[in-house]
Amino acid sequence: MAEDNIVQKIMRWKPMSKRPIGRPKIRWEDEVLEDIKSINVHNWKKVAQNRDSWKKVVEQARIFYRLQHLIIIIIIIIIIIIIIIIIIIIMRGRRGEEEEEEEEEEEEKKEEEEGGD
């Protein structure tokens, strides 16, 4: 019971000094509440009291965040593939231009040789 008392004191603790000017720092509790909102858990205090239901919520959150990370990785891979394709297209275009220039030079040489005869 003493631990619960300490936890409650920590959760309700308010600093006596003034905060610095600017945007308030994000607290750990704010991050947790934001995460709970993002997974759409309503009345989380009541849900947390039932161990089985809270375990399901935590497992759903893990799946949710794993999917988010997987989607980010897939997007990064797609972007890399697009960049590689663009580079290949640009390189082929340059090669094509070089080949055209070489063909034009060869035609000019042939014309000069034919004109010189």
PDB file of N, CA and C in Angstrom:
ATOM      1  N   MET A   1       0.825  -1.198   0.000  1.00  0.00           N
ATOM      2  CA  MET A   1       0.000   0.000   0.000  1.00  0.00           C
ATOM      3  C   MET A   1       0.864   1.256   0.000  1.00  0.00           C
ATOM      4  N   ALA A   2       2.053   1.146   0.608  1.00  0.00           N
ATOM      5  CA  ALA A   2       2.940   2.302   0.666  1.00  0.00           C
ATOM      6  C   ALA A   2       3.394   2.700  -0.738  1.00  0.00           C
ATOM      7  N   GLU A   3       3.598   1.701  -1.618  1.00  0.00           N
ATOM      8  CA  GLU A   3       4.013   1.991  -2.993  1.00  0.00           C
ATOM      9  C   GLU A   3       2.923   2.795  -3.711  1.00  0.00           C
ATOM     10  N   ASP A   4       1.670   2.389  -3.523  1.00  0.00           N
ATOM     11  CA  ASP A   4       0.576   3.109  -4.152  1.00  0.00           C
ATOM     12  C   ASP A   4       0.556   4.559  -3.694  1.00  0.00           C
ATOM     13  N   ASN A   5       0.837   4.756  -2.448  1.00  0.00           N
ATOM     14  CA  ASN A   5       0.854   6.099  -1.896  1.00  0.00           C
ATOM     15  C   ASN A   5       1.960   6.932  -2.551  1.00  0.00           C
ATOM     16  N   ILE A   6       3.139   6.352  -2.726  1.00  0.00           N
ATOM     17  CA  ILE A   6       4.250   7.053  -3.364  1.00  0.00           C
ATOM     18  C   ILE A   6       3.913   7.344  -4.814  1.00  0.00           C
ATOM     19  N   VAL A   7       3.343   6.366  -5.507  1.00  0.00           N
ATOM     20  CA  VAL A   7       2.966   6.555  -6.907  1.00  0.00           C
ATOM     21  C   VAL A   7       1.960   7.686  -7.028  1.00  0.00           C
ATOM     22  N   GLN A   8       0.973   7.690  -6.155  1.00  0.00           N
ATOM     23  CA  GLN A   8      -0.034   8.755  -6.195  1.00  0.00           C
ATOM     24  C   GLN A   8       0.608  10.117  -5.936  1.00  0.00           C
ATOM     25  N   LYS A   9       1.562  10.169  -5.002  1.00  0.00           N
ATOM     26  CA  LYS A   9       2.241  11.441  -4.724  1.00  0.00           C
ATOM     27  C   LYS A   9       3.017  11.909  -5.955  1.00  0.00           C
ATOM     28  N   ILE A  10       3.684  10.970  -6.625  1.00  0.00           N
ATOM     29  CA  ILE A  10       4.464  11.334  -7.814  1.00  0.00           C
ATOM     30  C   ILE A  10       3.537  11.831  -8.922  1.00  0.00           C
ATOM     31  N   MET A  11       2.427  11.138  -9.113  1.00  0.00           N
ATOM     32  CA  MET A  11       1.506  11.520 -10.181  1.00  0.00           C
ATOM     33  C   MET A  11       0.875  12.885  -9.927  1.00  0.00           C
ATOM     34  N   ARG A  12       0.664  13.231  -8.679  1.00  0.00           N
ATOM     35  CA  ARG A  12      -0.009  14.491  -8.343  1.00  0.00           C
ATOM     36  C   ARG A  12       0.950  15.620  -7.993  1.00  0.00           C
ATOM     37  N   TRP A  13       2.246  15.343  -8.011  1.00  0.00           N
ATOM     38  CA  TRP A  13       3.248  16.333  -7.623  1.00  0.00           C
ATOM     39  C   TRP A  13       3.230  17.536  -8.548  1.00  0.00           C
ATOM     40  N   LYS A  14       3.277  18.707  -7.971  1.00  0.00           N
ATOM     41  CA  LYS A  14       3.337  19.943  -8.745  1.00  0.00           C
ATOM     42  C   LYS A  14       4.617  20.679  -8.328  1.00  0.00           C
ATOM     43  N   PRO A  15       5.429  21.070  -9.275  1.00  0.00           N
ATOM     44  CA  PRO A  15       6.662  21.789  -8.913  1.00  0.00           C
ATOM     45  C   PRO A  15       6.336  23.157  -8.332  1.00  0.00           C
ATOM     46  N   MET A  16       7.177  23.621  -7.433  1.00  0.00           N
ATOM     47  CA  MET A  16       6.945  24.896  -6.767  1.00  0.00           C
ATOM     48  C   MET A  16       7.522  26.062  -7.574  1.00  0.00           C
ATOM     49  N   SER A  17       8.516  25.786  -8.400  1.00  0.00           N
ATOM     50  CA  SER A  17       9.138  26.871  -9.168  1.00  0.00           C
ATOM     51  C   SER A  17       8.323  27.169 -10.418  1.00  0.00           C
ATOM     52  N   LYS A  18       8.618  28.327 -11.022  1.00  0.00           N
ATOM     53  CA  LYS A  18       7.916  28.713 -12.238  1.00  0.00           C
ATOM     54  C   LYS A  18       8.562  28.030 -13.437  1.00  0.00           C
ATOM     55  N   ARG A  19       7.741  27.797 -14.440  1.00  0.00           N
ATOM     56  CA  ARG A  19       8.253  27.220 -15.688  1.00  0.00           C
ATOM     57  C   ARG A  19       8.956  28.300 -16.497  1.00  0.00           C
ATOM     58  N   PRO A  20       9.905  27.874 -17.312  1.00  0.00           N
ATOM     59  CA  PRO A  20      10.563  28.859 -18.173  1.00  0.00           C
ATOM     60  C   PRO A  20       9.601  29.384 -19.240  1.00  0.00           C
ATOM     61  N   ILE A  21       9.956  30.526 -19.818  1.00  0.00           N
ATOM     62  CA  ILE A  21       9.132  31.133 -20.861  1.00  0.00           C
ATOM     63  C   ILE A  21       9.137  30.224 -22.089  1.00  0.00           C
ATOM     64  N   GLY A  22       8.014  30.161 -22.781  1.00  0.00           N
ATOM     65  CA  GLY A  22       7.923  29.356 -23.998  1.00  0.00           C
ATOM     66  C   GLY A  22       6.908  28.245 -23.847  1.00  0.00           C
ATOM     67  N   ARG A  23       6.953  27.358 -24.805  1.00  0.00           N
ATOM     68  CA  ARG A  23       6.011  26.247 -24.810  1.00  0.00           C
ATOM     69  C   ARG A  23       6.313  25.295 -23.661  1.00  0.00           C
ATOM     70  N   PRO A  24       5.285  24.812 -22.967  1.00  0.00           N
ATOM     71  CA  PRO A  24       5.531  23.880 -21.870  1.00  0.00           C
ATOM     72  C   PRO A  24       6.124  22.569 -22.379  1.00  0.00           C
ATOM     73  N   LYS A  25       6.975  21.981 -21.571  1.00  0.00           N
ATOM     74  CA  LYS A  25       7.564  20.704 -21.936  1.00  0.00           C
ATOM     75  C   LYS A  25       6.496  19.627 -21.895  1.00  0.00           C
ATOM     76  N   ILE A  26       6.637  18.664 -22.777  1.00  0.00           N
ATOM     77  CA  ILE A  26       5.666  17.561 -22.822  1.00  0.00           C
ATOM     78  C   ILE A  26       6.031  16.566 -21.724  1.00  0.00           C
ATOM     79  N   ARG A  27       5.061  16.272 -20.902  1.00  0.00           N
ATOM     80  CA  ARG A  27       5.286  15.337 -19.806  1.00  0.00           C
ATOM     81  C   ARG A  27       5.076  13.902 -20.280  1.00  0.00           C
ATOM     82  N   TRP A  28       5.629  12.965 -19.538  1.00  0.00           N
ATOM     83  CA  TRP A  28       5.464  11.545 -19.842  1.00  0.00           C
ATOM     84  C   TRP A  28       3.985  11.187 -19.847  1.00  0.00           C
ATOM     85  N   GLU A  29       3.257  11.700 -18.871  1.00  0.00           N
ATOM     86  CA  GLU A  29       1.829  11.408 -18.756  1.00  0.00           C
ATOM     87  C   GLU A  29       1.077  11.899 -19.995  1.00  0.00           C
ATOM     88  N   ASP A  30       1.468  13.073 -20.516  1.00  0.00           N
ATOM     89  CA  ASP A  30       0.824  13.601 -21.722  1.00  0.00           C
ATOM     90  C   ASP A  30       1.049  12.666 -22.908  1.00  0.00           C
ATOM     91  N   GLU A  31       2.263  12.141 -23.017  1.00  0.00           N
ATOM     92  CA  GLU A  31       2.573  11.202 -24.105  1.00  0.00           C
ATOM     93  C   GLU A  31       1.727   9.928 -23.989  1.00  0.00           C
ATOM     94  N   VAL A  32       1.604   9.426 -22.770  1.00  0.00           N
ATOM     95  CA  VAL A  32       0.805   8.213 -22.550  1.00  0.00           C
ATOM     96  C   VAL A  32      -0.653   8.466 -22.914  1.00  0.00           C
ATOM     97  N   LEU A  33      -1.197   9.593 -22.480  1.00  0.00           N
ATOM     98  CA  LEU A  33      -2.594   9.915 -22.790  1.00  0.00           C
ATOM     99  C   LEU A  33      -2.797  10.076 -24.299  1.00  0.00           C
ATOM    100  N   GLU A  34      -1.809  10.667 -24.980  1.00  0.00           N
ATOM    101  CA  GLU A  34      -1.880  10.813 -26.435  1.00  0.00           C
ATOM    102  C   GLU A  34      -1.885   9.440 -27.112  1.00  0.00           C
ATOM    103  N   ASP A  35      -1.049   8.536 -26.611  1.00  0.00           N
ATOM    104  CA  ASP A  35      -1.016   7.173 -27.168  1.00  0.00           C
ATOM    105  C   ASP A  35      -2.348   6.459 -26.945  1.00  0.00           C
ATOM    106  N   ILE A  36      -2.923   6.639 -25.777  1.00  0.00           N
ATOM    107  CA  ILE A  36      -4.211   6.000 -25.473  1.00  0.00           C
ATOM    108  C   ILE A  36      -5.290   6.531 -26.404  1.00  0.00           C
ATOM    109  N   LYS A  37      -5.271   7.836 -26.665  1.00  0.00           N
ATOM    110  CA  LYS A  37      -6.237   8.409 -27.602  1.00  0.00           C
ATOM    111  C   LYS A  37      -6.034   7.872 -29.006  1.00  0.00           C
ATOM    112  N   SER A  38      -4.769   7.704 -29.405  1.00  0.00           N
ATOM    113  CA  SER A  38      -4.485   7.264 -30.776  1.00  0.00           C
ATOM    114  C   SER A  38      -4.964   5.840 -31.042  1.00  0.00           C
ATOM    115  N   ILE A  39      -5.042   5.017 -29.994  1.00  0.00           N
ATOM    116  CA  ILE A  39      -5.553   3.652 -30.194  1.00  0.00           C
ATOM    117  C   ILE A  39      -7.037   3.547 -29.852  1.00  0.00           C
ATOM    118  N   ASN A  40      -7.656   4.694 -29.613  1.00  0.00           N
ATOM    119  CA  ASN A  40      -9.109   4.771 -29.442  1.00  0.00           C
ATOM    120  C   ASN A  40      -9.621   4.032 -28.213  1.00  0.00           C
ATOM    121  N   VAL A  41      -8.966   4.231 -27.075  1.00  0.00           N
ATOM    122  CA  VAL A  41      -9.420   3.609 -25.825  1.00  0.00           C
ATOM    123  C   VAL A  41     -10.184   4.661 -25.032  1.00  0.00           C
ATOM    124  N   HIS A  42     -11.442   4.369 -24.765  1.00  0.00           N
ATOM    125  CA  HIS A  42     -12.268   5.285 -23.983  1.00  0.00           C
ATOM    126  C   HIS A  42     -12.343   4.761 -22.553  1.00  0.00           C
ATOM    127  N   ASN A  43     -12.343   5.667 -21.605  1.00  0.00           N
ATOM    128  CA  ASN A  43     -12.440   5.301 -20.190  1.00  0.00           C
ATOM    129  C   ASN A  43     -11.295   4.361 -19.801  1.00  0.00           C
ATOM    130  N   TRP A  44     -10.077   4.772 -20.092  1.00  0.00           N
ATOM    131  CA  TRP A  44      -8.912   3.913 -19.928  1.00  0.00           C
ATOM    132  C   TRP A  44      -8.656   3.523 -18.480  1.00  0.00           C
ATOM    133  N   LYS A  45      -9.024   4.379 -17.528  1.00  0.00           N
ATOM    134  CA  LYS A  45      -8.789   4.038 -16.112  1.00  0.00           C
ATOM    135  C   LYS A  45      -9.608   2.821 -15.705  1.00  0.00           C
ATOM    136  N   LYS A  46     -10.833   2.754 -16.203  1.00  0.00           N
ATOM    137  CA  LYS A  46     -11.691   1.608 -15.886  1.00  0.00           C
ATOM    138  C   LYS A  46     -11.174   0.343 -16.580  1.00  0.00           C
ATOM    139  N   VAL A  47     -10.746   0.485 -17.837  1.00  0.00           N
ATOM    140  CA  VAL A  47     -10.224  -0.655 -18.591  1.00  0.00           C
ATOM    141  C   VAL A  47      -8.954  -1.180 -17.936  1.00  0.00           C
ATOM    142  N   ALA A  48      -8.108  -0.288 -17.426  1.00  0.00           N
ATOM    143  CA  ALA A  48      -6.834  -0.686 -16.830  1.00  0.00           C
ATOM    144  C   ALA A  48      -7.026  -1.481 -15.541  1.00  0.00           C
ATOM    145  N   GLN A  49      -8.172  -1.337 -14.905  1.00  0.00           N
ATOM    146  CA  GLN A  49      -8.402  -2.070 -13.659  1.00  0.00           C
ATOM    147  C   GLN A  49      -8.673  -3.546 -13.906  1.00  0.00           C
ATOM    148  N   ASN A  50      -9.138  -3.884 -15.097  1.00  0.00           N
ATOM    149  CA  ASN A  50      -9.341  -5.286 -15.458  1.00  0.00           C
ATOM    150  C   ASN A  50      -8.100  -5.746 -16.219  1.00  0.00           C
ATOM    151  N   ARG A  51      -7.318  -6.620 -15.617  1.00  0.00           N
ATOM    152  CA  ARG A  51      -6.025  -7.023 -16.168  1.00  0.00           C
ATOM    153  C   ARG A  51      -6.150  -7.629 -17.565  1.00  0.00           C
ATOM    154  N   ASP A  52      -7.163  -8.468 -17.778  1.00  0.00           N
ATOM    155  CA  ASP A  52      -7.324  -9.124 -19.088  1.00  0.00           C
ATOM    156  C   ASP A  52      -7.664  -8.112 -20.181  1.00  0.00           C
ATOM    157  N   SER A  53      -8.593  -7.205 -19.876  1.00  0.00           N
ATOM    158  CA  SER A  53      -8.965  -6.221 -20.887  1.00  0.00           C
ATOM    159  C   SER A  53      -7.800  -5.269 -21.171  1.00  0.00           C
ATOM    160  N   TRP A  54      -7.030  -4.910 -20.134  1.00  0.00           N
ATOM    161  CA  TRP A  54      -5.889  -4.026 -20.341  1.00  0.00           C
ATOM    162  C   TRP A  54      -4.799  -4.726 -21.173  1.00  0.00           C
ATOM    163  N   LYS A  55      -4.647  -6.023 -20.942  1.00  0.00           N
ATOM    164  CA  LYS A  55      -3.667  -6.790 -21.713  1.00  0.00           C
ATOM    165  C   LYS A  55      -4.041  -6.780 -23.191  1.00  0.00           C
ATOM    166  N   LYS A  56      -5.339  -6.890 -23.485  1.00  0.00           N
ATOM    167  CA  LYS A  56      -5.796  -6.830 -24.880  1.00  0.00           C
ATOM    168  C   LYS A  56      -5.510  -5.465 -25.487  1.00  0.00           C
ATOM    169  N   VAL A  57      -5.749  -4.416 -24.710  1.00  0.00           N
ATOM    170  CA  VAL A  57      -5.492  -3.060 -25.194  1.00  0.00           C
ATOM    171  C   VAL A  57      -4.005  -2.887 -25.509  1.00  0.00           C
ATOM    172  N   VAL A  58      -3.151  -3.362 -24.619  1.00  0.00           N
ATOM    173  CA  VAL A  58      -1.702  -3.237 -24.830  1.00  0.00           C
ATOM    174  C   VAL A  58      -1.278  -4.028 -26.066  1.00  0.00           C
ATOM    175  N   GLU A  59      -1.831  -5.204 -26.248  1.00  0.00           N
ATOM    176  CA  GLU A  59      -1.487  -6.013 -27.427  1.00  0.00           C
ATOM    177  C   GLU A  59      -1.956  -5.323 -28.714  1.00  0.00           C
ATOM    178  N   GLN A  60      -3.136  -4.737 -28.686  1.00  0.00           N
ATOM    179  CA  GLN A  60      -3.622  -3.992 -29.850  1.00  0.00           C
ATOM    180  C   GLN A  60      -2.709  -2.796 -30.145  1.00  0.00           C
ATOM    181  N   ALA A  61      -2.240  -2.142 -29.094  1.00  0.00           N
ATOM    182  CA  ALA A  61      -1.339  -1.000 -29.276  1.00  0.00           C
ATOM    183  C   ALA A  61      -0.028  -1.453 -29.907  1.00  0.00           C
ATOM    184  N   ARG A  62       0.491  -2.590 -29.453  1.00  0.00           N
ATOM    185  CA  ARG A  62       1.726  -3.122 -30.046  1.00  0.00           C
ATOM    186  C   ARG A  62       1.533  -3.402 -31.529  1.00  0.00           C
ATOM    187  N   ILE A  63       0.432  -4.047 -31.867  1.00  0.00           N
ATOM    188  CA  ILE A  63       0.151  -4.350 -33.275  1.00  0.00           C
ATOM    189  C   ILE A  63       0.024  -3.058 -34.076  1.00  0.00           C
ATOM    190  N   PHE A  64      -0.684  -2.086 -33.520  1.00  0.00           N
ATOM    191  CA  PHE A  64      -0.887  -0.800 -34.186  1.00  0.00           C
ATOM    192  C   PHE A  64       0.447  -0.125 -34.496  1.00  0.00           C
ATOM    193  N   TYR A  65       1.329  -0.063 -33.507  1.00  0.00           N
ATOM    194  CA  TYR A  65       2.611   0.611 -33.711  1.00  0.00           C
ATOM    195  C   TYR A  65       3.534  -0.186 -34.627  1.00  0.00           C
ATOM    196  N   ARG A  66       3.463  -1.504 -34.570  1.00  0.00           N
ATOM    197  CA  ARG A  66       4.253  -2.321 -35.504  1.00  0.00           C
ATOM    198  C   ARG A  66       3.793  -2.074 -36.934  1.00  0.00           C
ATOM    199  N   LEU A  67       2.481  -1.988 -37.118  1.00  0.00           N
ATOM    200  CA  LEU A  67       1.957  -1.701 -38.456  1.00  0.00           C
ATOM    201  C   LEU A  67       2.391  -0.316 -38.927  1.00  0.00           C
ATOM    202  N   GLN A  68       2.372   0.651 -38.037  1.00  0.00           N
ATOM    203  CA  GLN A  68       2.825   1.994 -38.406  1.00  0.00           C
ATOM    204  C   GLN A  68       4.278   1.969 -38.858  1.00  0.00           C
ATOM    205  N   HIS A  69       5.123   1.280 -38.101  1.00  0.00           N
ATOM    206  CA  HIS A  69       6.529   1.193 -38.471  1.00  0.00           C
ATOM    207  C   HIS A  69       6.705   0.443 -39.785  1.00  0.00           C
ATOM    208  N   LEU A  70       5.933  -0.598 -39.985  1.00  0.00           N
ATOM    209  CA  LEU A  70       6.006  -1.357 -41.226  1.00  0.00           C
ATOM    210  C   LEU A  70       5.599  -0.491 -42.418  1.00  0.00           C
ATOM    211  N   ILE A  71       4.549   0.288 -42.247  1.00  0.00           N
ATOM    212  CA  ILE A  71       4.091   1.179 -43.319  1.00  0.00           C
ATOM    213  C   ILE A  71       5.167   2.217 -43.637  1.00  0.00           C
ATOM    214  N   ILE A  72       5.805   2.761 -42.620  1.00  0.00           N
ATOM    215  CA  ILE A  72       6.874   3.744 -42.843  1.00  0.00           C
ATOM    216  C   ILE A  72       8.028   3.101 -43.607  1.00  0.00           C
ATOM    217  N   ILE A  73       8.400   1.882 -43.235  1.00  0.00           N
ATOM    218  CA  ILE A  73       9.483   1.184 -43.924  1.00  0.00           C
ATOM    219  C   ILE A  73       9.106   0.933 -45.380  1.00  0.00           C
ATOM    220  N   ILE A  74       7.874   0.514 -45.625  1.00  0.00           N
ATOM    221  CA  ILE A  74       7.421   0.264 -47.003  1.00  0.00           C
ATOM    222  C   ILE A  74       7.466   1.557 -47.819  1.00  0.00           C
ATOM    223  N   ILE A  75       7.032   2.657 -47.235  1.00  0.00           N
ATOM    224  CA  ILE A  75       7.061   3.942 -47.938  1.00  0.00           C
ATOM    225  C   ILE A  75       8.496   4.333 -48.279  1.00  0.00           C
ATOM    226  N   ILE A  76       9.412   4.146 -47.344  1.00  0.00           N
ATOM    227  CA  ILE A  76      10.822   4.466 -47.600  1.00  0.00           C
ATOM    228  C   ILE A  76      11.370   3.604 -48.728  1.00  0.00           C
ATOM    229  N   ILE A  77      11.039   2.313 -48.727  1.00  0.00           N
ATOM    230  CA  ILE A  77      11.497   1.418 -49.786  1.00  0.00           C
ATOM    231  C   ILE A  77      10.933   1.862 -51.135  1.00  0.00           C
ATOM    232  N   ILE A  78       9.669   2.230 -51.174  1.00  0.00           N
ATOM    233  CA  ILE A  78       9.051   2.698 -52.430  1.00  0.00           C
ATOM    234  C   ILE A  78       9.756   3.962 -52.930  1.00  0.00           C
ATOM    235  N   ILE A  79      10.053   4.874 -52.028  1.00  0.00           N
ATOM    236  CA  ILE A  79      10.749   6.106 -52.418  1.00  0.00           C
ATOM    237  C   ILE A  79      12.125   5.779 -52.983  1.00  0.00           C
ATOM    238  N   ILE A  80      12.839   4.866 -52.347  1.00  0.00           N
ATOM    239  CA  ILE A  80      14.165   4.471 -52.841  1.00  0.00           C
ATOM    240  C   ILE A  80      14.051   3.849 -54.229  1.00  0.00           C
ATOM    241  N   ILE A  81      13.058   2.988 -54.438  1.00  0.00           N
ATOM    242  CA  ILE A  81      12.865   2.365 -55.754  1.00  0.00           C
ATOM    243  C   ILE A  81      12.562   3.430 -56.808  1.00  0.00           C
ATOM    244  N   ILE A  82      11.729   4.395 -56.472  1.00  0.00           N
ATOM    245  CA  ILE A  82      11.403   5.470 -57.422  1.00  0.00           C
ATOM    246  C   ILE A  82      12.659   6.263 -57.777  1.00  0.00           C
ATOM    247  N   ILE A  83      13.484   6.564 -56.781  1.00  0.00           N
ATOM    248  CA  ILE A  83      14.724   7.298 -57.038  1.00  0.00           C
ATOM    249  C   ILE A  83      15.638   6.491 -57.955  1.00  0.00           C
ATOM    250  N   ILE A  84      15.761   5.199 -57.720  1.00  0.00           N
ATOM    251  CA  ILE A  84      16.598   4.342 -58.570  1.00  0.00           C
ATOM    252  C   ILE A  84      16.065   4.332 -60.001  1.00  0.00           C
ATOM    253  N   ILE A  85      14.752   4.226 -60.162  1.00  0.00           N
ATOM    254  CA  ILE A  85      14.154   4.231 -61.504  1.00  0.00           C
ATOM    255  C   ILE A  85      14.440   5.558 -62.209  1.00  0.00           C
ATOM    256  N   ILE A  86      14.320   6.654 -61.495  1.00  0.00           N
ATOM    257  CA  ILE A  86      14.599   7.970 -62.084  1.00  0.00           C
ATOM    258  C   ILE A  86      16.058   8.055 -62.520  1.00  0.00           C
ATOM    259  N   ILE A  87      16.962   7.571 -61.689  1.00  0.00           N
ATOM    260  CA  ILE A  87      18.385   7.585 -62.040  1.00  0.00           C
ATOM    261  C   ILE A  87      18.632   6.745 -63.293  1.00  0.00           C
ATOM    262  N   ILE A  88      18.016   5.564 -63.370  1.00  0.00           N
ATOM    263  CA  ILE A  88      18.175   4.700 -64.544  1.00  0.00           C
ATOM    264  C   ILE A  88      17.655   5.407 -65.793  1.00  0.00           C
ATOM    265  N   ILE A  89      16.509   6.056 -65.697  1.00  0.00           N
ATOM    266  CA  ILE A  89      15.934   6.773 -66.844  1.00  0.00           C
ATOM    267  C   ILE A  89      16.873   7.894 -67.284  1.00  0.00           C
ATOM    268  N   ILE A  90      17.409   8.631 -66.333  1.00  0.00           N
ATOM    269  CA  ILE A  90      18.323   9.727 -66.664  1.00  0.00           C
ATOM    270  C   ILE A  90      19.580   9.178 -67.336  1.00  0.00           C
ATOM    271  N   MET A  91      20.131   8.095 -66.787  1.00  0.00           N
ATOM    272  CA  MET A  91      21.347   7.512 -67.368  1.00  0.00           C
ATOM    273  C   MET A  91      21.092   7.000 -68.781  1.00  0.00           C
ATOM    274  N   ARG A  92      19.959   6.374 -69.010  1.00  0.00           N
ATOM    275  CA  ARG A  92      19.618   5.890 -70.355  1.00  0.00           C
ATOM    276  C   ARG A  92      19.464   7.069 -71.322  1.00  0.00           C
ATOM    277  N   GLY A  93      18.874   8.143 -70.847  1.00  0.00           N
ATOM    278  CA  GLY A  93      18.719   9.333 -71.674  1.00  0.00           C
ATOM    279  C   GLY A  93      20.063   9.905 -72.075  1.00  0.00           C
ATOM    280  N   ARG A  94      21.003   9.935 -71.142  1.00  0.00           N
ATOM    281  CA  ARG A  94      22.343  10.440 -71.452  1.00  0.00           C
ATOM    282  C   ARG A  94      23.044   9.533 -72.448  1.00  0.00           C
ATOM    283  N   ARG A  95      22.910   8.223 -72.256  1.00  0.00           N
ATOM    284  CA  ARG A  95      23.522   7.279 -73.191  1.00  0.00           C
ATOM    285  C   ARG A  95      22.942   7.452 -74.580  1.00  0.00           C
ATOM    286  N   GLY A  96      21.624   7.639 -74.644  1.00  0.00           N
ATOM    287  CA  GLY A  96      20.961   7.839 -75.927  1.00  0.00           C
ATOM    288  C   GLY A  96      21.469   9.093 -76.623  1.00  0.00           C
ATOM    289  N   GLU A  97      21.649  10.168 -75.861  1.00  0.00           N
ATOM    290  CA  GLU A  97      22.164  11.409 -76.428  1.00  0.00           C
ATOM    291  C   GLU A  97      23.591  11.212 -76.931  1.00  0.00           C
ATOM    292  N   GLU A  98      24.406  10.492 -76.157  1.00  0.00           N
ATOM    293  CA  GLU A  98      25.789  10.234 -76.566  1.00  0.00           C
ATOM    294  C   GLU A  98      25.823   9.400 -77.842  1.00  0.00           C
ATOM    295  N   GLU A  99      24.959   8.392 -77.916  1.00  0.00           N
ATOM    296  CA  GLU A  99      24.907   7.545 -79.112  1.00  0.00           C
ATOM    297  C   GLU A  99      24.466   8.358 -80.329  1.00  0.00           C
ATOM    298  N   GLU A 100      23.496   9.237 -80.158  1.00  0.00           N
ATOM    299  CA  GLU A 100      23.047  10.091 -81.259  1.00  0.00           C
ATOM    300  C   GLU A 100      24.172  11.006 -81.731  1.00  0.00           C
ATOM    301  N   GLU A 101      24.922  11.559 -80.776  1.00  0.00           N
ATOM    302  CA  GLU A 101      26.044  12.433 -81.140  1.00  0.00           C
ATOM    303  C   GLU A 101      27.102  11.648 -81.908  1.00  0.00           C
ATOM    304  N   GLU A 102      27.371  10.418 -81.452  1.00  0.00           N
ATOM    305  CA  GLU A 102      28.355   9.582 -82.142  1.00  0.00           C
ATOM    306  C   GLU A 102      27.888   9.254 -83.560  1.00  0.00           C
ATOM    307  N   GLU A 103      26.610   8.941 -83.713  1.00  0.00           N
ATOM    308  CA  GLU A 103      26.061   8.645 -85.038  1.00  0.00           C
ATOM    309  C   GLU A 103      26.169   9.864 -85.954  1.00  0.00           C
ATOM    310  N   GLU A 104      25.873  11.057 -85.414  1.00  0.00           N
ATOM    311  CA  GLU A 104      25.970  12.279 -86.203  1.00  0.00           C
ATOM    312  C   GLU A 104      27.420  12.526 -86.638  1.00  0.00           C
ATOM    313  N   GLU A 105      28.366  12.280 -85.706  1.00  0.00           N
ATOM    314  CA  GLU A 105      29.773  12.460 -86.031  1.00  0.00           C
ATOM    315  C   GLU A 105      30.204  11.491 -87.137  1.00  0.00           C
ATOM    316  N   GLU A 106      29.731  10.239 -87.039  1.00  0.00           N
ATOM    317  CA  GLU A 106      30.070   9.237 -88.056  1.00  0.00           C
ATOM    318  C   GLU A 106      29.492   9.640 -89.417  1.00  0.00           C
ATOM    319  N   GLU A 107      28.260  10.135 -89.417  1.00  0.00           N
ATOM    320  CA  GLU A 107      27.641  10.576 -90.669  1.00  0.00           C
ATOM    321  C   GLU A 107      28.406  11.749 -91.270  1.00  0.00           C
ATOM    322  N   GLU A 108      28.845  12.678 -90.415  1.00  0.00           N
ATOM    323  CA  GLU A 108      29.618  13.820 -90.887  1.00  0.00           C
ATOM    324  C   GLU A 108      30.940  13.354 -91.493  1.00  0.00           C
ATOM    325  N   LYS A 109      31.601  12.373 -90.843  1.00  0.00           N
ATOM    326  CA  LYS A 109      32.855  11.837 -91.362  1.00  0.00           C
ATOM    327  C   LYS A 109      32.631  11.179 -92.724  1.00  0.00           C
ATOM    328  N   LYS A 110      31.551  10.404 -92.847  1.00  0.00           N
ATOM    329  CA  LYS A 110      31.236   9.741 -94.102  1.00  0.00           C
ATOM    330  C   LYS A 110      30.978  10.775 -95.204  1.00  0.00           C
ATOM    331  N   GLU A 111      30.247  11.831 -94.864  1.00  0.00           N
ATOM    332  CA  GLU A 111      29.955  12.889 -95.831  1.00  0.00           C
ATOM    333  C   GLU A 111      31.238  13.591 -96.270  1.00  0.00           C
ATOM    334  N   GLU A 112      32.142  13.826 -95.300  1.00  0.00           N
ATOM    335  CA  GLU A 112      33.415  14.454 -95.631  1.00  0.00           C
ATOM    336  C   GLU A 112      34.248  13.565 -96.533  1.00  0.00           C
ATOM    337  N   GLU A 113      34.252  12.255 -96.226  1.00  0.00           N
ATOM    338  CA  GLU A 113      35.001  11.307 -97.050  1.00  0.00           C
ATOM    339  C   GLU A 113      34.407  11.226 -98.450  1.00  0.00           C
ATOM    340  N   GLU A 114      33.104  11.199 -98.546  1.00  0.00           N
ATOM    341  CA  GLU A 114      32.425  11.120 -99.858  1.00  0.00           C
ATOM    342  C   GLU A 114      32.610  12.437-100.600  1.00  0.00           C
ATOM    343  N   GLY A 115      32.567  13.527 -99.874  1.00  0.00           N
ATOM    344  CA  GLY A 115      32.730  14.833-100.510  1.00  0.00           C
ATOM    345  C   GLY A 115      34.178  15.069-100.952  1.00  0.00           C
ATOM    346  N   GLY A 116      35.121  14.464-100.280  1.00  0.00           N
ATOM    347  CA  GLY A 116      36.526  14.614-100.602  1.00  0.00           C
ATOM    348  C   GLY A 116      36.931  13.817-101.821  1.00  0.00           C
ATOM    349  N   ASP A 117      36.197  12.816-102.210  1.00  0.00           N
ATOM    350  CA  ASP A 117      36.526  11.980-103.387  1.00  0.00           C
ATOM    351  C   ASP A 117      36.235  12.640-104.645  1.00  0.00           C
TER     352      ASP A 117
END
